[in-house]
C-alpha atoms as a PDB file:
ATOM      1  CA  UNK A   1     142.195 107.655 107.216  1.00  0.00           C
ATOM      2  CA  UNK A   2     141.928 104.196 108.056  1.00  0.00           C
ATOM      3  CA  UNK A   3     143.505 101.060 106.221  1.00  0.00           C
ATOM      4  CA  UNK A   4     140.750 100.820 103.596  1.00  0.00           C
ATOM      5  CA  UNK A   5     141.401 103.354 100.865  1.00  0.00           C
ATOM      6  CA  UNK A   6     138.437 104.882  98.730  1.00  0.00           C
ATOM      7  CA  UNK A   7     139.975 102.490  95.937  1.00  0.00           C
ATOM      8  CA  UNK A   8     139.584  99.451  97.882  1.00  0.00           C
ATOM      9  CA  UNK A   9     136.223 100.240  98.867  1.00  0.00           C
ATOM     10  CA  UNK A  10     135.176 100.518  95.500  1.00  0.00           C
ATOM     11  CA  UNK A  11     136.897  97.185  94.331  1.00  0.00           C
ATOM     12  CA  UNK A  12     134.917  95.483  97.141  1.00  0.00           C
ATOM     13  CA  UNK A  13     131.521  96.634  96.380  1.00  0.00           C
ATOM     14  CA  UNK A  14     132.062  96.186  92.761  1.00  0.00           C
ATOM     15  CA  UNK A  15     133.921  92.511  92.254  1.00  0.00           C
ATOM     16  CA  UNK A  16     132.272  89.893  94.514  1.00  0.00           C
ATOM     17  CA  UNK A  17     132.060  87.062  95.640  1.00  0.00           C
ATOM     18  CA  UNK A  18     135.707  86.860  97.503  1.00  0.00           C
ATOM     19  CA  UNK A  19     137.255  83.995  98.593  1.00  0.00           C
ATOM     20  CA  UNK A  20     138.610  83.928 102.420  1.00  0.00           C
ATOM     21  CA  UNK A  21     141.281  81.761 102.894  1.00  0.00           C
ATOM     22  CA  UNK A  22     142.362  80.637 106.642  1.00  0.00           C
ATOM     23  CA  UNK A  23     144.561  78.267 108.361  1.00  0.00           C
ATOM     24  CA  UNK A  24     144.095  75.948 111.580  1.00  0.00           C
ATOM     25  CA  UNK A  25     146.313  75.802 114.183  1.00  0.00           C
ATOM     26  CA  UNK A  26     148.587  73.533 112.371  1.00  0.00           C
ATOM     27  CA  UNK A  27     148.880  75.453 109.120  1.00  0.00           C
ATOM     28  CA  UNK A  28     146.407  73.421 107.103  1.00  0.00           C
ATOM     29  CA  UNK A  29     144.642  75.839 104.643  1.00  0.00           C
ATOM     30  CA  UNK A  30     140.710  76.270 104.204  1.00  0.00           C
ATOM     31  CA  UNK A  31     139.296  78.284 101.450  1.00  0.00           C
ATOM     32  CA  UNK A  32     135.742  79.760 101.527  1.00  0.00           C
ATOM     33  CA  UNK A  33     133.637  81.457  99.495  1.00  0.00           C
ATOM     34  CA  UNK A  34     131.683  84.873 100.733  1.00  0.00           C
ATOM     35  CA  UNK A  35     129.276  86.752  98.651  1.00  0.00           C
ATOM     36  CA  UNK A  36     128.477  88.889 101.588  1.00  0.00           C
ATOM     37  CA  UNK A  37     131.691  90.949 102.341  1.00  0.00           C
ATOM     38  CA  UNK A  38     131.148  94.099 102.847  1.00  0.00           C
ATOM     39  CA  UNK A  39     133.329  97.261 104.358  1.00  0.00           C
ATOM     40  CA  UNK A  40     132.400  98.152 107.872  1.00  0.00           C
ATOM     41  CA  UNK A  41     134.189 101.105 108.311  1.00  0.00           C
ATOM     42  CA  UNK A  42     137.890 102.562 107.128  1.00  0.00           C
ATOM     43  CA  UNK A  43     139.483  99.580 109.049  1.00  0.00           C
ATOM     44  CA  UNK A  44     137.118  96.606 109.233  1.00  0.00           C
ATOM     45  CA  UNK A  45     135.438  94.289 106.748  1.00  0.00           C
ATOM     46  CA  UNK A  46     132.477  91.954 107.814  1.00  0.00           C
ATOM     47  CA  UNK A  47     131.047  88.821 106.082  1.00  0.00           C
ATOM     48  CA  UNK A  48     128.463  86.514 107.112  1.00  0.00           C
ATOM     49  CA  UNK A  49     128.675  82.826 107.906  1.00  0.00           C
ATOM     50  CA  UNK A  50     126.130  80.859 107.020  1.00  0.00           C
ATOM     51  CA  UNK A  51     127.261  77.063 105.922  1.00  0.00           C
ATOM     52  CA  UNK A  52     131.496  77.354 106.609  1.00  0.00           C
ATOM     53  CA  UNK A  53     132.027  75.454 109.824  1.00  0.00           C
ATOM     54  CA  UNK A  54     135.647  74.835 108.984  1.00  0.00           C
ATOM     55  CA  UNK A  55     136.569  78.864 108.230  1.00  0.00           C
ATOM     56  CA  UNK A  56     134.874  79.877 111.939  1.00  0.00           C
ATOM     57  CA  UNK A  57     136.855  76.770 113.378  1.00  0.00           C
ATOM     58  CA  UNK A  58     140.045  77.755 111.905  1.00  0.00           C
ATOM     59  CA  UNK A  59     139.476  81.375 113.074  1.00  0.00           C
ATOM     60  CA  UNK A  60     138.793  80.574 116.541  1.00  0.00           C
ATOM     61  CA  UNK A  61     142.369  79.106 116.634  1.00  0.00           C
ATOM     62  CA  UNK A  62     144.307  81.380 114.334  1.00  0.00           C
ATOM     63  CA  UNK A  63     142.616  84.757 113.432  1.00  0.00           C
ATOM     64  CA  UNK A  64     145.104  85.579 110.747  1.00  0.00           C
ATOM     65  CA  UNK A  65     143.227  85.236 107.247  1.00  0.00           C
ATOM     66  CA  UNK A  66     143.363  86.801 103.593  1.00  0.00           C
ATOM     67  CA  UNK A  67     140.708  87.690 101.385  1.00  0.00           C
ATOM     68  CA  UNK A  68     141.018  87.899  97.373  1.00  0.00           C
ATOM     69  CA  UNK A  69     138.355  88.529  94.568  1.00  0.00           C
ATOM     70  CA  UNK A  70     139.002  88.617  90.818  1.00  0.00           C
ATOM     71  CA  UNK A  71     137.125  89.700  88.013  1.00  0.00           C
ATOM     72  CA  UNK A  72     138.018  87.201  85.356  1.00  0.00           C
ATOM     73  CA  UNK A  73     136.659  89.681  82.326  1.00  0.00           C
ATOM     74  CA  UNK A  74     138.495  92.579  83.371  1.00  0.00           C
ATOM     75  CA  UNK A  75     141.417  91.112  85.424  1.00  0.00           C
ATOM     76  CA  UNK A  76     140.955  93.570  87.899  1.00  0.00           C
ATOM     77  CA  UNK A  77     139.971  92.596  91.725  1.00  0.00           C
ATOM     78  CA  UNK A  78     141.193  93.065  95.275  1.00  0.00           C
ATOM     79  CA  UNK A  79     143.090  91.408  98.125  1.00  0.00           C
ATOM     80  CA  UNK A  80     143.290  92.171 102.178  1.00  0.00           C
ATOM     81  CA  UNK A  81     145.260  90.804 104.863  1.00  0.00           C
ATOM     82  CA  UNK A  82     144.229  91.094 108.245  1.00  0.00           C
ATOM     83  CA  UNK A  83     142.338  88.949 111.241  1.00  0.00           C
ATOM     84  CA  UNK A  84     139.238  88.266 112.810  1.00  0.00           C
ATOM     85  CA  UNK A  85     138.495  90.515 115.444  1.00  0.00           C
ATOM     86  CA  UNK A  86     134.942  89.356 116.657  1.00  0.00           C
ATOM     87  CA  UNK A  87     132.973  86.476 115.722  1.00  0.00           C
ATOM     88  CA  UNK A  88     129.373  88.097 116.365  1.00  0.00           C
ATOM     89  CA  UNK A  89     126.166  86.769 116.994  1.00  0.00           C
ATOM     90  CA  UNK A  90     124.141  89.670 117.822  1.00  0.00           C
ATOM     91  CA  UNK A  91     124.358  93.572 117.263  1.00  0.00           C
ATOM     92  CA  UNK A  92     123.668  95.550 113.930  1.00  0.00           C
ATOM     93  CA  UNK A  93     125.652  94.181 111.273  1.00  0.00           C
ATOM     94  CA  UNK A  94     124.602  90.591 112.537  1.00  0.00           C
ATOM     95  CA  UNK A  95     121.167  91.579 112.556  1.00  0.00           C
ATOM     96  CA  UNK A  96     121.362  93.094 108.872  1.00  0.00           C
ATOM     97  CA  UNK A  97     123.074  89.690 107.653  1.00  0.00           C
ATOM     98  CA  UNK A  98     120.412  87.924 109.207  1.00  0.00           C
ATOM     99  CA  UNK A  99     117.252  89.714 107.429  1.00  0.00           C
ATOM    100  CA  UNK A 100     118.963  89.781 103.985  1.00  0.00           C
ATOM    101  CA  UNK A 101     120.080  86.142 103.848  1.00  0.00           C
ATOM    102  CA  UNK A 102     117.323  84.508 105.572  1.00  0.00           C
ATOM    103  CA  UNK A 103     115.988  82.831 102.312  1.00  0.00           C
ATOM    104  CA  UNK A 104     119.265  81.121 102.378  1.00  0.00           C
ATOM    105  CA  UNK A 105     119.425  79.844 105.609  1.00  0.00           C
ATOM    106  CA  UNK A 106     120.713  80.565 109.387  1.00  0.00           C
ATOM    107  CA  UNK A 107     123.321  83.322 109.706  1.00  0.00           C
ATOM    108  CA  UNK A 108     125.451  81.733 112.272  1.00  0.00           C
ATOM    109  CA  UNK A 109     128.129  84.643 112.691  1.00  0.00           C
ATOM    110  CA  UNK A 110     128.912  87.969 111.362  1.00  0.00           C
ATOM    111  CA  UNK A 111     132.565  88.056 111.453  1.00  0.00           C
ATOM    112  CA  UNK A 112     134.272  91.181 112.164  1.00  0.00           C
ATOM    113  CA  UNK A 113     137.703  91.836 110.327  1.00  0.00           C
ATOM    114  CA  UNK A 114     140.614  94.162 110.794  1.00  0.00           C
ATOM    115  CA  UNK A 115     142.280  95.142 107.636  1.00  0.00           C
ATOM    116  CA  UNK A 116     146.021  95.457 108.239  1.00  0.00           C
ATOM    117  CA  UNK A 117     147.088  95.805 104.545  1.00  0.00           C
ATOM    118  CA  UNK A 118     144.847  95.834 101.612  1.00  0.00           C
ATOM    119  CA  UNK A 119     144.871  96.888  97.749  1.00  0.00           C
ATOM    120  CA  UNK A 120     143.048  96.797  94.588  1.00  0.00           C
ATOM    121  CA  UNK A 121     144.870  96.099  91.417  1.00  0.00           C
END
């Protein structure tokens, strides 16, 4: 069994958008909203990057990140900690995002994340 259990998978699918926190090599933080985050497999998440160059710049020098989402009405949410392991510019996930978000603009990357810890709350 991977890091992403069934409760976390359900929470990720139901509670969007999420907020991705990154930091540059000096620790300066950045937070970016993601409406595309999805479970890739039992250990990985993936999101499309369309208009977040600072997020990508940060991940290229510091792959560590945290992601959180909260439904303010129910006070239910989820959080993960992990690291970006691949900034994809081709392949199945990238192609799916490109098709899904073509009306919103160009998908620059599909960011694959290795989840090291996660929880639904």
